[in-house]
Amino acid sequence: MKFKEGRFKKPVKVLQVFKQIHIYGKENKSFESRKEVMKWNDFNSSNGYVKDNELFIPEYLIDNSRLNESALISIEDTHIISSNNFPKSGLSKSFPYSKQYLIDIFDVHNNFEIFLKYDKYEIGIPSRANFKLGELTELIPVEIKINGKIDATASRGRERMFKEQQYIFQYLGEFDSYKILKQPFTPILKTIPSERKLIDLIKPLW
């Protein structure tokens, strides 16, 4: 298959972000009841990717006026586990040069230092201080786990809900050019990196 190609004005760093978000009730409060659900598995993705040292990005990014000014592209694959549904989604984003980039609940600095950016509504309680979690290199992906009580549900008289989030940040390298993926395109199998640094922010919630 032939792909239309493009070039960046300056080399662009590419970050793969895997996410798993599990929203659950008291019936799944034990770690054992959630262990299999939160296990990382390889999966088919209809999102951007890197293969054979070439970057492939979805066509919609080409319409983004910031693409030629980009310093970072994040390829984000999300798995949301809630009410026995397992929807998966993929989104690629481009960021112009900045000292730091907000990716969900994290500030990722341009030297790939990762900081927690606590948000009560996104993480839940107990609160956490904003602090440096670690540094990302091309050789060692970083996995981060965090959980919390979603307070808004209980305040409205509903059953208390809980949220566990897992992220893997993987630096894929720096690229001068890209190939364009036009919809519909065949999903590609993405492999969860087996060797990674774990930052565990899980707290007892009972």
N, C-alpha and C. Protein backbone atom coordinates (compact mmCIF):
# COMPACT_ATOMS: atom_id res chain seq x y z
N MET A 1 0.84 -1.19 0.00
CA MET A 1 0.00 0.00 0.00
C MET A 1 0.88 1.25 0.00
N LYS A 2 0.54 2.22 -0.85
CA LYS A 2 1.29 3.47 -0.89
C LYS A 2 0.64 4.49 0.04
N PHE A 3 1.49 5.22 0.74
CA PHE A 3 1.02 6.24 1.67
C PHE A 3 1.52 7.61 1.23
N LYS A 4 0.66 8.60 1.30
CA LYS A 4 1.09 9.97 1.06
C LYS A 4 2.02 10.38 2.20
N GLU A 5 3.07 11.12 1.87
CA GLU A 5 4.07 11.46 2.87
C GLU A 5 4.11 12.97 3.10
N GLY A 6 4.60 13.34 4.25
CA GLY A 6 4.80 14.74 4.59
C GLY A 6 6.04 14.89 5.44
N ARG A 7 6.49 16.14 5.59
CA ARG A 7 7.68 16.41 6.40
C ARG A 7 7.37 17.51 7.40
N PHE A 8 7.98 17.40 8.56
CA PHE A 8 7.87 18.44 9.58
C PHE A 8 8.91 19.53 9.31
N LYS A 9 8.62 20.73 9.79
CA LYS A 9 9.61 21.80 9.68
C LYS A 9 10.84 21.49 10.51
N LYS A 10 10.60 20.92 11.68
CA LYS A 10 11.68 20.52 12.57
C LYS A 10 11.36 19.11 13.08
N PRO A 11 12.38 18.36 13.51
CA PRO A 11 12.11 17.02 14.04
C PRO A 11 11.10 17.06 15.19
N VAL A 12 10.21 16.08 15.22
CA VAL A 12 9.13 16.01 16.21
C VAL A 12 9.29 14.74 17.05
N LYS A 13 9.16 14.89 18.37
CA LYS A 13 9.20 13.75 19.27
C LYS A 13 7.82 13.09 19.30
N VAL A 14 7.81 11.76 19.42
CA VAL A 14 6.54 11.03 19.42
C VAL A 14 6.45 10.19 20.68
N LEU A 15 5.29 10.31 21.33
CA LEU A 15 5.04 9.63 22.59
C LEU A 15 3.82 8.73 22.45
N GLN A 16 3.97 7.45 22.76
CA GLN A 16 2.84 6.53 22.83
C GLN A 16 2.34 6.49 24.27
N VAL A 17 1.02 6.69 24.43
CA VAL A 17 0.41 6.66 25.76
C VAL A 17 -0.67 5.60 25.76
N PHE A 18 -0.49 4.57 26.58
CA PHE A 18 -1.52 3.56 26.80
C PHE A 18 -2.26 3.91 28.09
N LYS A 19 -3.61 3.83 28.07
CA LYS A 19 -4.40 4.16 29.25
C LYS A 19 -5.41 3.05 29.51
N GLN A 20 -5.59 2.72 30.79
CA GLN A 20 -6.69 1.86 31.23
C GLN A 20 -7.37 2.55 32.41
N ILE A 21 -8.68 2.76 32.28
CA ILE A 21 -9.44 3.45 33.31
C ILE A 21 -10.59 2.55 33.73
N HIS A 22 -10.63 2.21 35.01
CA HIS A 22 -11.64 1.30 35.54
C HIS A 22 -12.49 2.04 36.57
N ILE A 23 -13.79 2.14 36.33
CA ILE A 23 -14.73 2.75 37.27
C ILE A 23 -15.58 1.63 37.85
N TYR A 24 -15.59 1.52 39.17
CA TYR A 24 -16.23 0.35 39.78
C TYR A 24 -16.86 0.71 41.13
N GLY A 25 -17.70 -0.21 41.63
CA GLY A 25 -18.37 -0.03 42.91
C GLY A 25 -17.73 -0.88 43.99
N LYS A 26 -18.38 -0.92 45.16
CA LYS A 26 -17.81 -1.62 46.31
C LYS A 26 -17.66 -3.12 46.07
N GLU A 27 -18.45 -3.66 45.14
CA GLU A 27 -18.38 -5.10 44.90
C GLU A 27 -17.03 -5.52 44.33
N ASN A 28 -16.29 -4.56 43.78
CA ASN A 28 -14.97 -4.86 43.23
C ASN A 28 -13.86 -4.19 44.03
N LYS A 29 -14.11 -4.02 45.32
CA LYS A 29 -13.14 -3.25 46.12
C LYS A 29 -11.83 -4.00 46.34
N SER A 30 -11.86 -5.32 46.30
CA SER A 30 -10.62 -6.05 46.54
C SER A 30 -9.75 -6.06 45.29
N PHE A 31 -8.45 -6.04 45.51
CA PHE A 31 -7.52 -6.06 44.39
C PHE A 31 -7.70 -7.33 43.56
N GLU A 32 -7.96 -8.45 44.22
CA GLU A 32 -8.10 -9.72 43.50
C GLU A 32 -9.25 -9.67 42.50
N SER A 33 -10.33 -8.96 42.86
CA SER A 33 -11.49 -8.90 41.97
C SER A 33 -11.23 -8.04 40.73
N ARG A 34 -10.20 -7.20 40.79
CA ARG A 34 -9.89 -6.31 39.67
C ARG A 34 -8.63 -6.71 38.91
N LYS A 35 -7.89 -7.65 39.44
CA LYS A 35 -6.58 -7.96 38.89
C LYS A 35 -6.63 -8.35 37.43
N GLU A 36 -7.54 -9.25 37.07
CA GLU A 36 -7.62 -9.70 35.68
C GLU A 36 -8.13 -8.60 34.76
N VAL A 37 -9.08 -7.81 35.27
CA VAL A 37 -9.66 -6.74 34.46
C VAL A 37 -8.61 -5.70 34.10
N MET A 38 -7.72 -5.39 35.04
CA MET A 38 -6.73 -4.34 34.83
C MET A 38 -5.43 -4.86 34.25
N LYS A 39 -5.39 -6.11 33.88
CA LYS A 39 -4.18 -6.67 33.29
C LYS A 39 -3.96 -6.09 31.90
N TRP A 40 -2.72 -5.71 31.62
CA TRP A 40 -2.40 -5.17 30.30
C TRP A 40 -2.34 -6.31 29.27
N ASN A 41 -2.94 -6.08 28.12
CA ASN A 41 -2.90 -7.04 27.02
C ASN A 41 -2.61 -6.31 25.72
N ASP A 42 -1.91 -6.99 24.80
CA ASP A 42 -1.72 -6.45 23.47
C ASP A 42 -3.09 -6.30 22.80
N PHE A 43 -3.23 -5.37 21.87
CA PHE A 43 -4.54 -5.14 21.27
C PHE A 43 -4.39 -4.52 19.89
N ASN A 44 -5.46 -4.59 19.10
CA ASN A 44 -5.50 -3.96 17.79
C ASN A 44 -5.96 -2.51 17.92
N SER A 45 -5.24 -1.61 17.29
CA SER A 45 -5.50 -0.18 17.42
C SER A 45 -5.70 0.46 16.05
N SER A 46 -6.72 1.31 15.94
CA SER A 46 -6.94 2.12 14.75
C SER A 46 -6.47 3.54 15.06
N ASN A 47 -5.20 3.67 15.30
CA ASN A 47 -4.62 4.94 15.71
C ASN A 47 -3.24 5.05 15.06
N GLY A 48 -2.55 6.13 15.32
CA GLY A 48 -1.21 6.28 14.79
C GLY A 48 -0.25 5.26 15.38
N TYR A 49 0.90 5.11 14.73
CA TYR A 49 1.87 4.13 15.22
C TYR A 49 3.22 4.37 14.54
N VAL A 50 4.23 3.69 15.06
CA VAL A 50 5.56 3.68 14.45
C VAL A 50 5.88 2.24 14.06
N LYS A 51 6.33 2.07 12.81
CA LYS A 51 6.69 0.74 12.32
C LYS A 51 7.91 0.87 11.40
N ASP A 52 8.90 0.02 11.63
CA ASP A 52 10.12 0.02 10.82
C ASP A 52 10.73 1.42 10.77
N ASN A 53 10.74 2.08 11.94
CA ASN A 53 11.34 3.43 12.08
C ASN A 53 10.64 4.49 11.24
N GLU A 54 9.37 4.25 10.89
CA GLU A 54 8.58 5.24 10.18
C GLU A 54 7.34 5.58 11.00
N LEU A 55 6.96 6.86 10.97
CA LEU A 55 5.81 7.35 11.72
C LEU A 55 4.59 7.40 10.82
N PHE A 56 3.48 6.81 11.28
CA PHE A 56 2.21 6.85 10.58
C PHE A 56 1.21 7.61 11.46
N ILE A 57 0.58 8.64 10.91
CA ILE A 57 -0.36 9.43 11.70
C ILE A 57 -1.70 9.52 10.98
N PRO A 58 -2.81 9.62 11.75
CA PRO A 58 -4.15 9.72 11.13
C PRO A 58 -4.28 10.99 10.30
N GLU A 59 -5.09 10.90 9.28
CA GLU A 59 -5.26 12.02 8.34
C GLU A 59 -5.78 13.27 9.03
N TYR A 60 -6.60 13.12 10.07
CA TYR A 60 -7.18 14.31 10.70
C TYR A 60 -6.12 15.23 11.30
N LEU A 61 -4.95 14.70 11.62
CA LEU A 61 -3.89 15.56 12.15
C LEU A 61 -3.36 16.51 11.08
N ILE A 62 -3.49 16.12 9.81
CA ILE A 62 -2.98 16.97 8.74
C ILE A 62 -3.77 18.28 8.67
N ASP A 63 -5.04 18.23 9.04
CA ASP A 63 -5.88 19.42 9.03
C ASP A 63 -5.65 20.31 10.24
N ASN A 64 -4.84 19.82 11.15
CA ASN A 64 -4.54 20.60 12.36
C ASN A 64 -3.49 21.65 11.99
N SER A 65 -3.86 22.92 12.15
CA SER A 65 -2.96 24.00 11.74
C SER A 65 -1.66 24.02 12.54
N ARG A 66 -1.65 23.32 13.70
CA ARG A 66 -0.45 23.32 14.52
C ARG A 66 0.55 22.24 14.11
N LEU A 67 0.17 21.37 13.17
CA LEU A 67 1.02 20.22 12.89
C LEU A 67 2.43 20.63 12.47
N ASN A 68 2.53 21.62 11.57
CA ASN A 68 3.85 22.03 11.10
C ASN A 68 4.66 22.76 12.17
N GLU A 69 3.99 23.18 13.22
CA GLU A 69 4.71 23.84 14.32
C GLU A 69 4.91 22.89 15.49
N SER A 70 4.60 21.62 15.28
CA SER A 70 4.61 20.67 16.39
C SER A 70 6.02 20.38 16.88
N ALA A 71 6.11 20.15 18.19
CA ALA A 71 7.34 19.65 18.80
C ALA A 71 7.10 18.24 19.35
N LEU A 72 5.82 17.92 19.60
CA LEU A 72 5.47 16.63 20.20
C LEU A 72 4.16 16.13 19.60
N ILE A 73 4.10 14.84 19.32
CA ILE A 73 2.84 14.17 18.97
C ILE A 73 2.61 13.06 19.98
N SER A 74 1.43 13.05 20.59
CA SER A 74 1.07 11.97 21.50
C SER A 74 0.06 11.06 20.81
N ILE A 75 0.35 9.77 20.82
CA ILE A 75 -0.55 8.75 20.26
C ILE A 75 -1.18 8.04 21.45
N GLU A 76 -2.45 8.29 21.70
CA GLU A 76 -3.11 7.87 22.94
C GLU A 76 -4.16 6.80 22.66
N ASP A 77 -3.97 5.64 23.28
CA ASP A 77 -4.93 4.54 23.16
C ASP A 77 -5.54 4.30 24.53
N THR A 78 -6.87 4.39 24.60
CA THR A 78 -7.58 4.35 25.88
C THR A 78 -8.51 3.14 25.94
N HIS A 79 -8.52 2.49 27.09
CA HIS A 79 -9.40 1.35 27.37
C HIS A 79 -10.19 1.71 28.63
N ILE A 80 -11.50 1.96 28.47
CA ILE A 80 -12.34 2.34 29.61
C ILE A 80 -13.19 1.14 30.02
N ILE A 81 -13.08 0.76 31.29
CA ILE A 81 -13.78 -0.41 31.82
C ILE A 81 -14.84 0.08 32.79
N SER A 82 -16.11 -0.05 32.42
CA SER A 82 -17.18 0.45 33.27
C SER A 82 -18.47 -0.25 32.89
N SER A 83 -19.24 -0.70 33.89
CA SER A 83 -20.55 -1.32 33.68
C SER A 83 -20.49 -2.46 32.66
N ASN A 84 -19.43 -3.26 32.76
CA ASN A 84 -19.24 -4.44 31.91
C ASN A 84 -19.05 -4.08 30.43
N ASN A 85 -18.82 -2.82 30.14
CA ASN A 85 -18.49 -2.42 28.78
C ASN A 85 -17.00 -2.16 28.69
N PHE A 86 -16.43 -2.43 27.54
CA PHE A 86 -14.99 -2.29 27.38
C PHE A 86 -14.67 -1.47 26.12
N PRO A 87 -15.15 -0.23 26.07
CA PRO A 87 -14.88 0.56 24.86
C PRO A 87 -13.42 0.95 24.77
N LYS A 88 -12.91 0.92 23.55
CA LYS A 88 -11.54 1.35 23.29
C LYS A 88 -11.60 2.53 22.32
N SER A 89 -10.70 3.45 22.48
CA SER A 89 -10.65 4.59 21.58
C SER A 89 -9.21 5.00 21.38
N GLY A 90 -8.96 5.66 20.26
CA GLY A 90 -7.62 6.14 19.97
C GLY A 90 -7.66 7.57 19.50
N LEU A 91 -6.69 8.36 19.92
CA LEU A 91 -6.64 9.76 19.54
C LEU A 91 -5.18 10.18 19.46
N SER A 92 -4.82 10.85 18.38
CA SER A 92 -3.48 11.41 18.25
C SER A 92 -3.57 12.92 18.35
N LYS A 93 -2.64 13.53 19.08
CA LYS A 93 -2.64 14.98 19.27
C LYS A 93 -1.27 15.54 18.94
N SER A 94 -1.26 16.76 18.43
CA SER A 94 0.00 17.44 18.20
C SER A 94 0.09 18.65 19.11
N PHE A 95 1.29 18.92 19.59
CA PHE A 95 1.52 20.02 20.52
C PHE A 95 2.62 20.93 19.97
N PRO A 96 2.39 22.26 19.92
CA PRO A 96 3.49 23.15 19.58
C PRO A 96 4.52 23.17 20.72
N TYR A 97 5.70 23.71 20.44
CA TYR A 97 6.75 23.69 21.45
C TYR A 97 6.28 24.38 22.72
N SER A 98 6.57 23.75 23.84
CA SER A 98 6.24 24.30 25.15
C SER A 98 7.21 23.71 26.17
N LYS A 99 7.30 24.35 27.32
CA LYS A 99 8.13 23.80 28.38
C LYS A 99 7.48 22.56 28.98
N GLN A 100 6.15 22.49 28.88
CA GLN A 100 5.45 21.31 29.40
C GLN A 100 4.16 21.10 28.63
N TYR A 101 3.70 19.83 28.61
CA TYR A 101 2.52 19.44 27.86
C TYR A 101 1.56 18.73 28.82
N LEU A 102 0.30 19.15 28.82
CA LEU A 102 -0.69 18.52 29.68
C LEU A 102 -1.29 17.32 28.96
N ILE A 103 -1.06 16.13 29.50
CA ILE A 103 -1.64 14.90 28.98
C ILE A 103 -2.43 14.26 30.11
N ASP A 104 -3.75 14.41 30.03
CA ASP A 104 -4.66 13.91 31.07
C ASP A 104 -4.29 14.50 32.43
N ILE A 105 -3.84 13.67 33.36
CA ILE A 105 -3.57 14.13 34.72
C ILE A 105 -2.07 14.32 34.96
N PHE A 106 -1.34 14.53 33.88
CA PHE A 106 0.11 14.66 34.00
C PHE A 106 0.62 15.87 33.21
N ASP A 107 1.62 16.52 33.76
CA ASP A 107 2.41 17.50 33.03
C ASP A 107 3.66 16.78 32.56
N VAL A 108 3.85 16.73 31.25
CA VAL A 108 5.05 16.11 30.69
C VAL A 108 5.95 17.22 30.18
N HIS A 109 7.10 17.40 30.82
CA HIS A 109 8.01 18.46 30.41
C HIS A 109 8.74 18.07 29.14
N ASN A 110 9.30 19.06 28.46
CA ASN A 110 9.91 18.76 27.15
C ASN A 110 11.18 17.93 27.26
N ASN A 111 11.70 17.76 28.48
CA ASN A 111 12.81 16.81 28.68
C ASN A 111 12.30 15.46 29.16
N PHE A 112 10.96 15.28 29.09
CA PHE A 112 10.27 14.04 29.45
C PHE A 112 10.34 13.72 30.94
N GLU A 113 10.44 14.74 31.77
CA GLU A 113 10.12 14.57 33.18
C GLU A 113 8.59 14.57 33.30
N ILE A 114 8.06 13.66 34.11
CA ILE A 114 6.61 13.53 34.25
C ILE A 114 6.20 13.95 35.66
N PHE A 115 5.23 14.87 35.75
CA PHE A 115 4.74 15.38 37.01
C PHE A 115 3.25 15.07 37.13
N LEU A 116 2.81 14.71 38.33
CA LEU A 116 1.38 14.56 38.58
C LEU A 116 0.74 15.94 38.64
N LYS A 117 -0.43 16.08 38.01
CA LYS A 117 -1.23 17.30 38.11
C LYS A 117 -2.56 16.92 38.72
N TYR A 118 -2.64 17.01 40.04
CA TYR A 118 -3.82 16.48 40.73
C TYR A 118 -5.07 17.26 40.37
N ASP A 119 -6.15 16.51 40.12
CA ASP A 119 -7.47 17.05 39.84
C ASP A 119 -8.47 16.18 40.58
N LYS A 120 -9.21 16.75 41.50
CA LYS A 120 -10.15 15.99 42.32
C LYS A 120 -11.18 15.27 41.47
N TYR A 121 -11.63 15.89 40.39
CA TYR A 121 -12.70 15.31 39.59
C TYR A 121 -12.17 14.24 38.63
N GLU A 122 -10.91 14.32 38.28
CA GLU A 122 -10.33 13.32 37.38
C GLU A 122 -9.71 12.15 38.13
N ILE A 123 -9.22 12.39 39.34
CA ILE A 123 -8.54 11.35 40.12
C ILE A 123 -9.39 10.89 41.28
N GLY A 124 -10.08 11.81 41.94
CA GLY A 124 -10.86 11.48 43.13
C GLY A 124 -10.06 11.76 44.39
N ILE A 125 -10.60 11.33 45.52
CA ILE A 125 -9.93 11.54 46.80
C ILE A 125 -9.40 10.19 47.31
N PRO A 126 -8.33 10.22 48.12
CA PRO A 126 -7.68 11.37 48.74
C PRO A 126 -6.87 12.19 47.75
N SER A 127 -6.65 13.45 48.12
CA SER A 127 -5.86 14.33 47.26
C SER A 127 -4.39 13.94 47.31
N ARG A 128 -3.69 14.32 46.28
CA ARG A 128 -2.25 14.11 46.21
C ARG A 128 -1.57 15.44 45.90
N ALA A 129 -0.34 15.56 46.36
CA ALA A 129 0.45 16.73 46.00
C ALA A 129 0.94 16.58 44.57
N ASN A 130 1.15 17.71 43.92
CA ASN A 130 1.76 17.68 42.58
C ASN A 130 3.26 17.53 42.75
N PHE A 131 3.82 16.49 42.15
CA PHE A 131 5.25 16.26 42.31
C PHE A 131 5.79 15.48 41.12
N LYS A 132 7.11 15.48 41.00
CA LYS A 132 7.75 14.77 39.90
C LYS A 132 7.67 13.27 40.15
N LEU A 133 7.17 12.54 39.14
CA LEU A 133 7.02 11.10 39.26
C LEU A 133 8.24 10.35 38.73
N GLY A 134 8.85 10.88 37.70
CA GLY A 134 10.00 10.19 37.13
C GLY A 134 10.38 10.79 35.80
N GLU A 135 11.32 10.15 35.14
CA GLU A 135 11.79 10.60 33.84
C GLU A 135 11.64 9.47 32.82
N LEU A 136 11.29 9.86 31.61
CA LEU A 136 11.07 8.90 30.55
C LEU A 136 12.26 8.91 29.60
N THR A 137 12.75 7.74 29.25
CA THR A 137 13.82 7.63 28.26
C THR A 137 13.36 6.73 27.12
N GLU A 138 14.13 6.70 26.06
CA GLU A 138 13.76 5.88 24.91
C GLU A 138 13.86 4.40 25.22
N LEU A 139 14.64 4.06 26.23
CA LEU A 139 14.86 2.65 26.53
C LEU A 139 13.89 2.09 27.57
N ILE A 140 13.40 2.94 28.47
CA ILE A 140 12.59 2.45 29.59
C ILE A 140 11.25 3.16 29.64
N PRO A 141 10.14 2.52 29.20
CA PRO A 141 8.80 3.10 29.38
C PRO A 141 8.46 3.21 30.87
N VAL A 142 7.53 4.08 31.17
CA VAL A 142 7.11 4.32 32.55
C VAL A 142 5.62 3.98 32.69
N GLU A 143 5.30 3.15 33.68
CA GLU A 143 3.91 2.83 34.01
C GLU A 143 3.54 3.54 35.30
N ILE A 144 2.35 4.15 35.33
CA ILE A 144 1.87 4.87 36.51
C ILE A 144 0.48 4.36 36.86
N LYS A 145 0.29 4.00 38.14
CA LYS A 145 -1.01 3.58 38.64
C LYS A 145 -1.48 4.56 39.71
N ILE A 146 -2.77 4.91 39.66
CA ILE A 146 -3.33 5.81 40.67
C ILE A 146 -4.82 5.50 40.83
N ASN A 147 -5.36 5.75 42.02
CA ASN A 147 -6.78 5.48 42.25
C ASN A 147 -7.38 6.54 43.15
N GLY A 148 -8.72 6.52 43.27
CA GLY A 148 -9.40 7.48 44.13
C GLY A 148 -10.88 7.20 44.23
N LYS A 149 -11.51 7.79 45.25
CA LYS A 149 -12.96 7.76 45.38
C LYS A 149 -13.55 8.91 44.57
N ILE A 150 -14.59 8.61 43.80
CA ILE A 150 -15.25 9.66 43.02
C ILE A 150 -16.33 10.25 43.91
N ASP A 151 -16.04 11.36 44.52
CA ASP A 151 -16.88 11.91 45.59
C ASP A 151 -18.22 12.41 45.09
N ALA A 152 -18.29 12.88 43.85
CA ALA A 152 -19.52 13.50 43.34
C ALA A 152 -20.69 12.54 43.36
N THR A 153 -20.44 11.25 43.15
CA THR A 153 -21.54 10.29 43.11
C THR A 153 -22.16 10.12 44.49
N ALA A 154 -21.34 10.04 45.53
CA ALA A 154 -21.86 9.86 46.88
C ALA A 154 -22.61 11.09 47.36
N SER A 155 -22.14 12.27 46.95
CA SER A 155 -22.78 13.50 47.41
C SER A 155 -24.19 13.65 46.84
N ARG A 156 -24.50 12.94 45.76
CA ARG A 156 -25.85 12.99 45.19
C ARG A 156 -26.70 11.81 45.63
N GLY A 157 -26.28 11.11 46.67
CA GLY A 157 -27.06 10.02 47.22
C GLY A 157 -26.93 8.72 46.48
N ARG A 158 -25.98 8.63 45.57
CA ARG A 158 -25.77 7.40 44.81
C ARG A 158 -24.69 6.56 45.48
N GLU A 159 -24.59 5.34 45.01
CA GLU A 159 -23.56 4.45 45.54
C GLU A 159 -22.19 5.03 45.26
N ARG A 160 -21.32 4.94 46.28
CA ARG A 160 -19.95 5.42 46.11
C ARG A 160 -19.25 4.65 44.99
N MET A 161 -18.60 5.39 44.10
CA MET A 161 -17.86 4.77 43.01
C MET A 161 -16.37 5.04 43.17
N PHE A 162 -15.58 4.21 42.54
CA PHE A 162 -14.13 4.30 42.65
C PHE A 162 -13.53 4.28 41.25
N LYS A 163 -12.34 4.84 41.15
CA LYS A 163 -11.69 4.96 39.84
C LYS A 163 -10.23 4.55 39.97
N GLU A 164 -9.82 3.60 39.14
CA GLU A 164 -8.42 3.21 39.09
C GLU A 164 -7.91 3.50 37.68
N GLN A 165 -6.76 4.16 37.60
CA GLN A 165 -6.20 4.55 36.31
C GLN A 165 -4.78 4.01 36.18
N GLN A 166 -4.49 3.49 35.01
CA GLN A 166 -3.15 3.00 34.70
C GLN A 166 -2.70 3.63 33.38
N TYR A 167 -1.47 4.07 33.37
CA TYR A 167 -0.89 4.69 32.17
C TYR A 167 0.47 4.06 31.89
N ILE A 168 0.79 3.93 30.62
CA ILE A 168 2.15 3.61 30.20
C ILE A 168 2.58 4.68 29.20
N PHE A 169 3.69 5.35 29.51
CA PHE A 169 4.29 6.33 28.61
C PHE A 169 5.50 5.68 27.94
N GLN A 170 5.50 5.70 26.61
CA GLN A 170 6.59 5.08 25.86
C GLN A 170 7.09 6.07 24.80
N TYR A 171 8.35 6.46 24.90
CA TYR A 171 8.95 7.36 23.92
C TYR A 171 9.34 6.56 22.69
N LEU A 172 8.81 6.97 21.52
CA LEU A 172 9.04 6.22 20.29
C LEU A 172 10.14 6.81 19.42
N GLY A 173 10.66 7.99 19.79
CA GLY A 173 11.75 8.57 19.02
C GLY A 173 11.39 9.92 18.42
N GLU A 174 12.28 10.41 17.58
CA GLU A 174 12.15 11.72 16.95
C GLU A 174 12.11 11.51 15.43
N PHE A 175 11.20 12.25 14.76
CA PHE A 175 10.96 11.99 13.34
C PHE A 175 10.96 13.29 12.54
N ASP A 176 11.52 13.19 11.33
CA ASP A 176 11.53 14.32 10.40
C ASP A 176 10.34 14.29 9.45
N SER A 177 9.77 13.10 9.26
CA SER A 177 8.71 12.95 8.27
C SER A 177 7.65 11.99 8.78
N TYR A 178 6.56 11.87 8.03
CA TYR A 178 5.45 11.01 8.44
C TYR A 178 4.74 10.48 7.20
N LYS A 179 3.98 9.42 7.40
CA LYS A 179 3.08 8.89 6.38
C LYS A 179 1.65 9.03 6.89
N ILE A 180 0.72 9.26 5.96
CA ILE A 180 -0.65 9.59 6.33
C ILE A 180 -1.55 8.36 6.24
N LEU A 181 -2.28 8.11 7.33
CA LEU A 181 -3.26 7.02 7.38
C LEU A 181 -4.63 7.57 7.03
N LYS A 182 -5.19 7.09 5.93
CA LYS A 182 -6.53 7.52 5.52
C LYS A 182 -7.55 6.51 6.00
N GLN A 183 -8.66 7.01 6.55
CA GLN A 183 -9.74 6.13 6.99
C GLN A 183 -10.49 5.56 5.78
N PRO A 184 -10.97 4.32 5.87
CA PRO A 184 -10.67 3.38 6.95
C PRO A 184 -9.34 2.68 6.69
N PHE A 185 -8.58 2.42 7.72
CA PHE A 185 -7.33 1.70 7.55
C PHE A 185 -7.29 0.51 8.49
N THR A 186 -6.52 -0.47 8.13
CA THR A 186 -6.47 -1.72 8.87
C THR A 186 -5.84 -1.50 10.24
N PRO A 187 -6.49 -1.92 11.33
CA PRO A 187 -5.89 -1.78 12.66
C PRO A 187 -4.55 -2.51 12.74
N ILE A 188 -3.69 -2.01 13.58
CA ILE A 188 -2.38 -2.61 13.77
C ILE A 188 -2.28 -3.15 15.19
N LEU A 189 -1.60 -4.27 15.35
CA LEU A 189 -1.42 -4.85 16.67
C LEU A 189 -0.36 -4.05 17.42
N LYS A 190 -0.73 -3.55 18.58
CA LYS A 190 0.21 -2.83 19.44
C LYS A 190 0.59 -3.72 20.61
N THR A 191 1.87 -3.74 20.90
CA THR A 191 2.41 -4.59 21.95
C THR A 191 2.72 -3.75 23.18
N ILE A 192 2.17 -4.17 24.31
CA ILE A 192 2.48 -3.50 25.58
C ILE A 192 3.92 -3.83 25.96
N PRO A 193 4.75 -2.82 26.21
CA PRO A 193 6.15 -3.10 26.55
C PRO A 193 6.25 -3.89 27.86
N SER A 194 6.98 -4.99 27.82
CA SER A 194 7.08 -5.85 29.01
C SER A 194 8.06 -5.29 30.04
N GLU A 195 9.09 -4.60 29.57
CA GLU A 195 10.07 -4.00 30.48
C GLU A 195 9.70 -2.55 30.69
N ARG A 196 9.34 -2.18 31.91
CA ARG A 196 8.95 -0.81 32.19
C ARG A 196 9.14 -0.49 33.67
N LYS A 197 9.33 0.76 33.96
CA LYS A 197 9.45 1.23 35.34
C LYS A 197 8.05 1.47 35.89
N LEU A 198 7.77 0.97 37.10
CA LEU A 198 6.45 1.13 37.71
C LEU A 198 6.48 2.20 38.79
N ILE A 199 5.53 3.13 38.70
CA ILE A 199 5.31 4.13 39.75
C ILE A 199 3.90 3.88 40.29
N ASP A 200 3.82 3.34 41.49
CA ASP A 200 2.54 2.88 42.05
C ASP A 200 2.03 3.89 43.07
N LEU A 201 0.95 4.60 42.72
CA LEU A 201 0.33 5.59 43.61
C LEU A 201 -1.00 5.09 44.16
N ILE A 202 -1.23 3.78 44.08
CA ILE A 202 -2.46 3.19 44.58
C ILE A 202 -2.50 3.30 46.11
N LYS A 203 -3.66 3.74 46.63
CA LYS A 203 -3.85 3.89 48.08
C LYS A 203 -5.04 3.05 48.54
N PRO A 204 -5.02 2.54 49.78
CA PRO A 204 -6.22 1.88 50.32
C PRO A 204 -7.36 2.89 50.40
N LEU A 205 -8.55 2.51 49.94
CA LEU A 205 -9.67 3.45 49.88
C LEU A 205 -10.76 3.09 50.88
N TRP A 206 -10.52 2.09 51.75
CA TRP A 206 -11.51 1.72 52.76
C TRP A 206 -10.87 1.76 54.13
